[in-house]
Amino acid sequence: MTRVRYFAAAAEAAGTDAEERTEPTLAGLRAAVVFDHPALADILPRCAVMVDGVRSDDDRSLDGVELIDVLPPFAGG
């Protein structure tokens, strides 16, 4: 299982700050979390996705991945 943590507006849209997921790929995870949390559909494409601490924008296997962070853009500087 992979722990997915949502921050700020992503947590608000998901209705939770964390959950356990079992999707085998990042693309599958993206589709599944939008299916389960439709409010993420607008924000997820703008979020940075960190896979075990490394930003990942491509489809990749989640085999052995322990943690995914979903970070929306932050205002300010």
PDB file of N, CA and C in Angstrom:
ATOM      1  N   MET A   1       0.839  -1.189   0.000  1.00  0.00           N
ATOM      2  CA  MET A   1       0.000   0.000   0.000  1.00  0.00           C
ATOM      3  C   MET A   1       0.875   1.241   0.000  1.00  0.00           C
ATOM      4  N   THR A   2       0.346   2.259  -0.617  1.00  0.00           N
ATOM      5  CA  THR A   2       1.031   3.547  -0.684  1.00  0.00           C
ATOM      6  C   THR A   2       0.219   4.571   0.090  1.00  0.00           C
ATOM      7  N   ARG A   3       0.865   5.324   0.942  1.00  0.00           N
ATOM      8  CA  ARG A   3       0.184   6.395   1.676  1.00  0.00           C
ATOM      9  C   ARG A   3       0.221   7.646   0.810  1.00  0.00           C
ATOM     10  N   VAL A   4      -0.953   8.233   0.600  1.00  0.00           N
ATOM     11  CA  VAL A   4      -1.071   9.474  -0.160  1.00  0.00           C
ATOM     12  C   VAL A   4      -1.477  10.566   0.814  1.00  0.00           C
ATOM     13  N   ARG A   5      -0.662  11.626   0.852  1.00  0.00           N
ATOM     14  CA  ARG A   5      -0.980  12.781   1.713  1.00  0.00           C
ATOM     15  C   ARG A   5      -1.376  13.947   0.827  1.00  0.00           C
ATOM     16  N   TYR A   6      -2.448  14.618   1.222  1.00  0.00           N
ATOM     17  CA  TYR A   6      -2.946  15.794   0.516  1.00  0.00           C
ATOM     18  C   TYR A   6      -2.706  17.016   1.391  1.00  0.00           C
ATOM     19  N   PHE A   7      -2.317  18.112   0.770  1.00  0.00           N
ATOM     20  CA  PHE A   7      -2.037  19.333   1.507  1.00  0.00           C
ATOM     21  C   PHE A   7      -2.908  20.477   1.017  1.00  0.00           C
ATOM     22  N   ALA A   8      -3.219  21.391   1.932  1.00  0.00           N
ATOM     23  CA  ALA A   8      -3.923  22.642   1.640  1.00  0.00           C
ATOM     24  C   ALA A   8      -5.194  22.388   0.825  1.00  0.00           C
ATOM     25  N   ALA A   9      -5.333  23.050  -0.328  1.00  0.00           N
ATOM     26  CA  ALA A   9      -6.554  22.939  -1.132  1.00  0.00           C
ATOM     27  C   ALA A   9      -6.797  21.515  -1.620  1.00  0.00           C
ATOM     28  N   ALA A  10      -5.752  20.738  -1.819  1.00  0.00           N
ATOM     29  CA  ALA A  10      -5.930  19.339  -2.240  1.00  0.00           C
ATOM     30  C   ALA A  10      -6.587  18.532  -1.121  1.00  0.00           C
ATOM     31  N   ALA A  11      -6.202  18.769   0.112  1.00  0.00           N
ATOM     32  CA  ALA A  11      -6.829  18.085   1.252  1.00  0.00           C
ATOM     33  C   ALA A  11      -8.287  18.482   1.375  1.00  0.00           C
ATOM     34  N   GLU A  12      -8.558  19.756   1.178  1.00  0.00           N
ATOM     35  CA  GLU A  12      -9.943  20.230   1.232  1.00  0.00           C
ATOM     36  C   GLU A  12     -10.779  19.568   0.138  1.00  0.00           C
ATOM     37  N   ALA A  13     -10.240  19.495  -1.064  1.00  0.00           N
ATOM     38  CA  ALA A  13     -10.968  18.880  -2.178  1.00  0.00           C
ATOM     39  C   ALA A  13     -11.163  17.381  -1.968  1.00  0.00           C
ATOM     40  N   ALA A  14     -10.174  16.718  -1.397  1.00  0.00           N
ATOM     41  CA  ALA A  14     -10.259  15.271  -1.169  1.00  0.00           C
ATOM     42  C   ALA A  14     -11.122  14.936   0.049  1.00  0.00           C
ATOM     43  N   GLY A  15     -11.277  15.902   0.933  1.00  0.00           N
ATOM     44  CA  GLY A  15     -12.033  15.650   2.156  1.00  0.00           C
ATOM     45  C   GLY A  15     -11.251  14.856   3.191  1.00  0.00           C
ATOM     46  N   THR A  16      -9.947  14.773   2.996  1.00  0.00           N
ATOM     47  CA  THR A  16      -9.072  14.064   3.923  1.00  0.00           C
ATOM     48  C   THR A  16      -7.650  14.575   3.733  1.00  0.00           C
ATOM     49  N   ASP A  17      -6.812  14.376   4.720  1.00  0.00           N
ATOM     50  CA  ASP A  17      -5.418  14.786   4.551  1.00  0.00           C
ATOM     51  C   ASP A  17      -4.510  13.608   4.202  1.00  0.00           C
ATOM     52  N   ALA A  18      -5.045  12.374   4.281  1.00  0.00           N
ATOM     53  CA  ALA A  18      -4.241  11.207   3.918  1.00  0.00           C
ATOM     54  C   ALA A  18      -5.134   9.983   3.730  1.00  0.00           C
ATOM     55  N   GLU A  19      -4.647   9.062   2.910  1.00  0.00           N
ATOM     56  CA  GLU A  19      -5.338   7.793   2.714  1.00  0.00           C
ATOM     57  C   GLU A  19      -4.349   6.772   2.163  1.00  0.00           C
ATOM     58  N   GLU A  20      -4.695   5.508   2.282  1.00  0.00           N
ATOM     59  CA  GLU A  20      -3.897   4.416   1.739  1.00  0.00           C
ATOM     60  C   GLU A  20      -4.477   4.038   0.384  1.00  0.00           C
ATOM     61  N   ARG A  21      -3.602   3.853  -0.639  1.00  0.00           N
ATOM     62  CA  ARG A  21      -4.046   3.513  -1.992  1.00  0.00           C
ATOM     63  C   ARG A  21      -3.269   2.301  -2.488  1.00  0.00           C
ATOM     64  N   THR A  22      -3.825   1.626  -3.503  1.00  0.00           N
ATOM     65  CA  THR A  22      -3.182   0.415  -4.020  1.00  0.00           C
ATOM     66  C   THR A  22      -2.968   0.445  -5.527  1.00  0.00           C
ATOM     67  N   GLU A  23      -3.188   1.570  -6.195  1.00  0.00           N
ATOM     68  CA  GLU A  23      -3.021   1.627  -7.646  1.00  0.00           C
ATOM     69  C   GLU A  23      -1.561   1.330  -8.009  1.00  0.00           C
ATOM     70  N   PRO A  24      -1.342   0.600  -9.105  1.00  0.00           N
ATOM     71  CA  PRO A  24       0.017   0.178  -9.463  1.00  0.00           C
ATOM     72  C   PRO A  24       0.847   1.219 -10.207  1.00  0.00           C
ATOM     73  N   THR A  25       0.200   2.269 -10.748  1.00  0.00           N
ATOM     74  CA  THR A  25       0.937   3.297 -11.484  1.00  0.00           C
ATOM     75  C   THR A  25       0.480   4.680 -11.050  1.00  0.00           C
ATOM     76  N   LEU A  26       1.306   5.672 -11.317  1.00  0.00           N
ATOM     77  CA  LEU A  26       0.946   7.047 -10.983  1.00  0.00           C
ATOM     78  C   LEU A  26      -0.252   7.501 -11.805  1.00  0.00           C
ATOM     79  N   ALA A  27      -0.313   7.138 -13.075  1.00  0.00           N
ATOM     80  CA  ALA A  27      -1.473   7.503 -13.897  1.00  0.00           C
ATOM     81  C   ALA A  27      -2.746   6.872 -13.341  1.00  0.00           C
ATOM     82  N   GLY A  28      -2.658   5.619 -12.934  1.00  0.00           N
ATOM     83  CA  GLY A  28      -3.806   4.944 -12.336  1.00  0.00           C
ATOM     84  C   GLY A  28      -4.236   5.598 -11.033  1.00  0.00           C
ATOM     85  N   LEU A  29      -3.261   6.011 -10.240  1.00  0.00           N
ATOM     86  CA  LEU A  29      -3.556   6.698  -8.989  1.00  0.00           C
ATOM     87  C   LEU A  29      -4.269   8.017  -9.259  1.00  0.00           C
ATOM     88  N   ARG A  30      -3.752   8.791 -10.201  1.00  0.00           N
ATOM     89  CA  ARG A  30      -4.383  10.076 -10.526  1.00  0.00           C
ATOM     90  C   ARG A  30      -5.843   9.881 -10.922  1.00  0.00           C
ATOM     91  N   ALA A  31      -6.108   8.917 -11.801  1.00  0.00           N
ATOM     92  CA  ALA A  31      -7.479   8.655 -12.247  1.00  0.00           C
ATOM     93  C   ALA A  31      -8.359   8.196 -11.088  1.00  0.00           C
ATOM     94  N   ALA A  32      -7.828   7.327 -10.248  1.00  0.00           N
ATOM     95  CA  ALA A  32      -8.624   6.774  -9.154  1.00  0.00           C
ATOM     96  C   ALA A  32      -8.964   7.812  -8.089  1.00  0.00           C
ATOM     97  N   VAL A  33      -8.011   8.691  -7.751  1.00  0.00           N
ATOM     98  CA  VAL A  33      -8.330   9.678  -6.714  1.00  0.00           C
ATOM     99  C   VAL A  33      -9.340  10.697  -7.231  1.00  0.00           C
ATOM    100  N   VAL A  34      -9.294  11.014  -8.521  1.00  0.00           N
ATOM    101  CA  VAL A  34     -10.311  11.916  -9.080  1.00  0.00           C
ATOM    102  C   VAL A  34     -11.674  11.223  -9.092  1.00  0.00           C
ATOM    103  N   PHE A  35     -11.693   9.927  -9.412  1.00  0.00           N
ATOM    104  CA  PHE A  35     -12.949   9.176  -9.385  1.00  0.00           C
ATOM    105  C   PHE A  35     -13.527   9.166  -7.965  1.00  0.00           C
ATOM    106  N   ASP A  36     -12.677   8.906  -6.983  1.00  0.00           N
ATOM    107  CA  ASP A  36     -13.127   8.823  -5.590  1.00  0.00           C
ATOM    108  C   ASP A  36     -13.396  10.181  -4.963  1.00  0.00           C
ATOM    109  N   HIS A  37     -12.709  11.207  -5.444  1.00  0.00           N
ATOM    110  CA  HIS A  37     -12.838  12.571  -4.894  1.00  0.00           C
ATOM    111  C   HIS A  37     -13.000  13.550  -6.069  1.00  0.00           C
ATOM    112  N   PRO A  38     -14.196  13.631  -6.653  1.00  0.00           N
ATOM    113  CA  PRO A  38     -14.397  14.439  -7.863  1.00  0.00           C
ATOM    114  C   PRO A  38     -13.939  15.899  -7.752  1.00  0.00           C
ATOM    115  N   ALA A  39     -13.951  16.450  -6.563  1.00  0.00           N
ATOM    116  CA  ALA A  39     -13.514  17.843  -6.396  1.00  0.00           C
ATOM    117  C   ALA A  39     -12.032  18.020  -6.710  1.00  0.00           C
ATOM    118  N   LEU A  40     -11.264  16.936  -6.749  1.00  0.00           N
ATOM    119  CA  LEU A  40      -9.849  17.021  -7.107  1.00  0.00           C
ATOM    120  C   LEU A  40      -9.628  17.236  -8.602  1.00  0.00           C
ATOM    121  N   ALA A  41     -10.636  17.017  -9.411  1.00  0.00           N
ATOM    122  CA  ALA A  41     -10.480  17.094 -10.872  1.00  0.00           C
ATOM    123  C   ALA A  41      -9.918  18.435 -11.326  1.00  0.00           C
ATOM    124  N   ASP A  42     -10.335  19.520 -10.697  1.00  0.00           N
ATOM    125  CA  ASP A  42      -9.861  20.846 -11.109  1.00  0.00           C
ATOM    126  C   ASP A  42      -8.477  21.175 -10.568  1.00  0.00           C
ATOM    127  N   ILE A  43      -8.153  20.667  -9.403  1.00  0.00           N
ATOM    128  CA  ILE A  43      -6.899  21.069  -8.765  1.00  0.00           C
ATOM    129  C   ILE A  43      -5.734  20.114  -9.046  1.00  0.00           C
ATOM    130  N   LEU A  44      -6.002  18.825  -9.200  1.00  0.00           N
ATOM    131  CA  LEU A  44      -4.916  17.856  -9.350  1.00  0.00           C
ATOM    132  C   LEU A  44      -3.960  18.156 -10.506  1.00  0.00           C
ATOM    133  N   PRO A  45      -4.451  18.599 -11.668  1.00  0.00           N
ATOM    134  CA  PRO A  45      -3.503  18.896 -12.755  1.00  0.00           C
ATOM    135  C   PRO A  45      -2.504  20.013 -12.421  1.00  0.00           C
ATOM    136  N   ARG A  46      -2.830  20.856 -11.458  1.00  0.00           N
ATOM    137  CA  ARG A  46      -1.939  21.960 -11.078  1.00  0.00           C
ATOM    138  C   ARG A  46      -1.043  21.602  -9.898  1.00  0.00           C
ATOM    139  N   CYS A  47      -1.246  20.437  -9.319  1.00  0.00           N
ATOM    140  CA  CYS A  47      -0.494  20.028  -8.129  1.00  0.00           C
ATOM    141  C   CYS A  47       0.864  19.433  -8.489  1.00  0.00           C
ATOM    142  N   ALA A  48       1.815  19.656  -7.610  1.00  0.00           N
ATOM    143  CA  ALA A  48       3.083  18.926  -7.676  1.00  0.00           C
ATOM    144  C   ALA A  48       2.843  17.588  -6.978  1.00  0.00           C
ATOM    145  N   VAL A  49       3.321  16.524  -7.589  1.00  0.00           N
ATOM    146  CA  VAL A  49       3.187  15.191  -6.997  1.00  0.00           C
ATOM    147  C   VAL A  49       4.585  14.683  -6.680  1.00  0.00           C
ATOM    148  N   MET A  50       4.811  14.447  -5.413  1.00  0.00           N
ATOM    149  CA  MET A  50       6.108  13.969  -4.939  1.00  0.00           C
ATOM    150  C   MET A  50       5.992  12.479  -4.626  1.00  0.00           C
ATOM    151  N   VAL A  51       6.806  11.669  -5.283  1.00  0.00           N
ATOM    152  CA  VAL A  51       6.806  10.222  -5.083  1.00  0.00           C
ATOM    153  C   VAL A  51       8.063   9.871  -4.287  1.00  0.00           C
ATOM    154  N   ASP A  52       7.851   9.474  -3.037  1.00  0.00           N
ATOM    155  CA  ASP A  52       8.976   9.230  -2.116  1.00  0.00           C
ATOM    156  C   ASP A  52       9.975  10.390  -2.149  1.00  0.00           C
ATOM    157  N   GLY A  53       9.429  11.610  -2.144  1.00  0.00           N
ATOM    158  CA  GLY A  53      10.246  12.806  -2.041  1.00  0.00           C
ATOM    159  C   GLY A  53      10.771  13.378  -3.337  1.00  0.00           C
ATOM    160  N   VAL A  54      10.463  12.751  -4.471  1.00  0.00           N
ATOM    161  CA  VAL A  54      10.954  13.219  -5.766  1.00  0.00           C
ATOM    162  C   VAL A  54       9.766  13.593  -6.641  1.00  0.00           C
ATOM    163  N   ARG A  55       9.805  14.812  -7.185  1.00  0.00           N
ATOM    164  CA  ARG A  55       8.707  15.251  -8.044  1.00  0.00           C
ATOM    165  C   ARG A  55       8.608  14.339  -9.266  1.00  0.00           C
ATOM    166  N   SER A  56       7.382  13.962  -9.593  1.00  0.00           N
ATOM    167  CA  SER A  56       7.160  13.072 -10.722  1.00  0.00           C
ATOM    168  C   SER A  56       5.924  13.523 -11.488  1.00  0.00           C
ATOM    169  N   ASP A  57       6.116  13.825 -12.757  1.00  0.00           N
ATOM    170  CA  ASP A  57       5.009  14.242 -13.608  1.00  0.00           C
ATOM    171  C   ASP A  57       4.637  13.160 -14.610  1.00  0.00           C
ATOM    172  N   ASP A  58       5.444  12.119 -14.712  1.00  0.00           N
ATOM    173  CA  ASP A  58       5.199  11.090 -15.714  1.00  0.00           C
ATOM    174  C   ASP A  58       4.480   9.899 -15.094  1.00  0.00           C
ATOM    175  N   ASP A  59       4.049   8.990 -15.967  1.00  0.00           N
ATOM    176  CA  ASP A  59       3.467   7.752 -15.481  1.00  0.00           C
ATOM    177  C   ASP A  59       4.620   6.851 -15.057  1.00  0.00           C
ATOM    178  N   ARG A  60       4.487   6.278 -13.908  1.00  0.00           N
ATOM    179  CA  ARG A  60       5.537   5.405 -13.416  1.00  0.00           C
ATOM    180  C   ARG A  60       4.936   4.358 -12.506  1.00  0.00           C
ATOM    181  N   SER A  61       5.648   3.296 -12.325  1.00  0.00           N
ATOM    182  CA  SER A  61       5.215   2.236 -11.421  1.00  0.00           C
ATOM    183  C   SER A  61       5.292   2.745  -9.990  1.00  0.00           C
ATOM    184  N   LEU A  62       4.342   2.319  -9.191  1.00  0.00           N
ATOM    185  CA  LEU A  62       4.355   2.665  -7.772  1.00  0.00           C
ATOM    186  C   LEU A  62       4.780   1.462  -6.922  1.00  0.00           C
ATOM    187  N   ASP A  63       5.327   0.454  -7.566  1.00  0.00           N
ATOM    188  CA  ASP A  63       5.806  -0.729  -6.859  1.00  0.00           C
ATOM    189  C   ASP A  63       6.898  -0.323  -5.871  1.00  0.00           C
ATOM    190  N   GLY A  64       6.687  -0.602  -4.615  1.00  0.00           N
ATOM    191  CA  GLY A  64       7.664  -0.280  -3.589  1.00  0.00           C
ATOM    192  C   GLY A  64       7.602   1.151  -3.078  1.00  0.00           C
ATOM    193  N   VAL A  65       6.744   1.973  -3.654  1.00  0.00           N
ATOM    194  CA  VAL A  65       6.621   3.368  -3.221  1.00  0.00           C
ATOM    195  C   VAL A  65       5.842   3.408  -1.908  1.00  0.00           C
ATOM    196  N   GLU A  66       6.357   4.154  -0.957  1.00  0.00           N
ATOM    197  CA  GLU A  66       5.710   4.244   0.349  1.00  0.00           C
ATOM    198  C   GLU A  66       4.882   5.500   0.534  1.00  0.00           C
ATOM    199  N   LEU A  67       5.293   6.624  -0.092  1.00  0.00           N
ATOM    200  CA  LEU A  67       4.648   7.893   0.204  1.00  0.00           C
ATOM    201  C   LEU A  67       4.514   8.756  -1.034  1.00  0.00           C
ATOM    202  N   ILE A  68       3.330   9.297  -1.221  1.00  0.00           N
ATOM    203  CA  ILE A  68       3.074  10.266  -2.284  1.00  0.00           C
ATOM    204  C   ILE A  68       2.466  11.497  -1.633  1.00  0.00           C
ATOM    205  N   ASP A  69       3.027  12.656  -1.937  1.00  0.00           N
ATOM    206  CA  ASP A  69       2.494  13.927  -1.452  1.00  0.00           C
ATOM    207  C   ASP A  69       1.898  14.687  -2.623  1.00  0.00           C
ATOM    208  N   VAL A  70       0.691  15.202  -2.416  1.00  0.00           N
ATOM    209  CA  VAL A  70      -0.001  15.999  -3.421  1.00  0.00           C
ATOM    210  C   VAL A  70      -0.021  17.438  -2.917  1.00  0.00           C
ATOM    211  N   LEU A  71       0.762  18.284  -3.588  1.00  0.00           N
ATOM    212  CA  LEU A  71       0.973  19.660  -3.141  1.00  0.00           C
ATOM    213  C   LEU A  71       0.414  20.651  -4.148  1.00  0.00           C
ATOM    214  N   PRO A  72      -0.647  21.365  -3.790  1.00  0.00           N
ATOM    215  CA  PRO A  72      -1.169  22.373  -4.715  1.00  0.00           C
ATOM    216  C   PRO A  72      -0.231  23.571  -4.774  1.00  0.00           C
ATOM    217  N   PRO A  73      -0.400  24.410  -5.792  1.00  0.00           N
ATOM    218  CA  PRO A  73       0.422  25.618  -5.846  1.00  0.00           C
ATOM    219  C   PRO A  73       0.128  26.500  -4.621  1.00  0.00           C
ATOM    220  N   PHE A  74       1.157  27.099  -4.087  1.00  0.00           N
ATOM    221  CA  PHE A  74       0.997  27.962  -2.926  1.00  0.00           C
ATOM    222  C   PHE A  74       1.161  29.412  -3.344  1.00  0.00           C
ATOM    223  N   ALA A  75       0.319  30.262  -2.809  1.00  0.00           N
ATOM    224  CA  ALA A  75       0.407  31.703  -3.100  1.00  0.00           C
ATOM    225  C   ALA A  75       1.468  32.318  -2.193  1.00  0.00           C
ATOM    226  N   GLY A  76       1.952  33.451  -2.609  1.00  0.00           N
ATOM    227  CA  GLY A  76       2.913  34.163  -1.775  1.00  0.00           C
ATOM    228  C   GLY A  76       4.335  33.939  -2.245  1.00  0.00           C
ATOM    229  N   GLY A  77       5.270  34.302  -1.420  1.00  0.00           N
ATOM    230  CA  GLY A  77       6.651  34.160  -1.843  1.00  0.00           C
ATOM    231  C   GLY A  77       7.508  34.048  -0.715  1.00  0.00           C
TER     232      GLY A  77
END
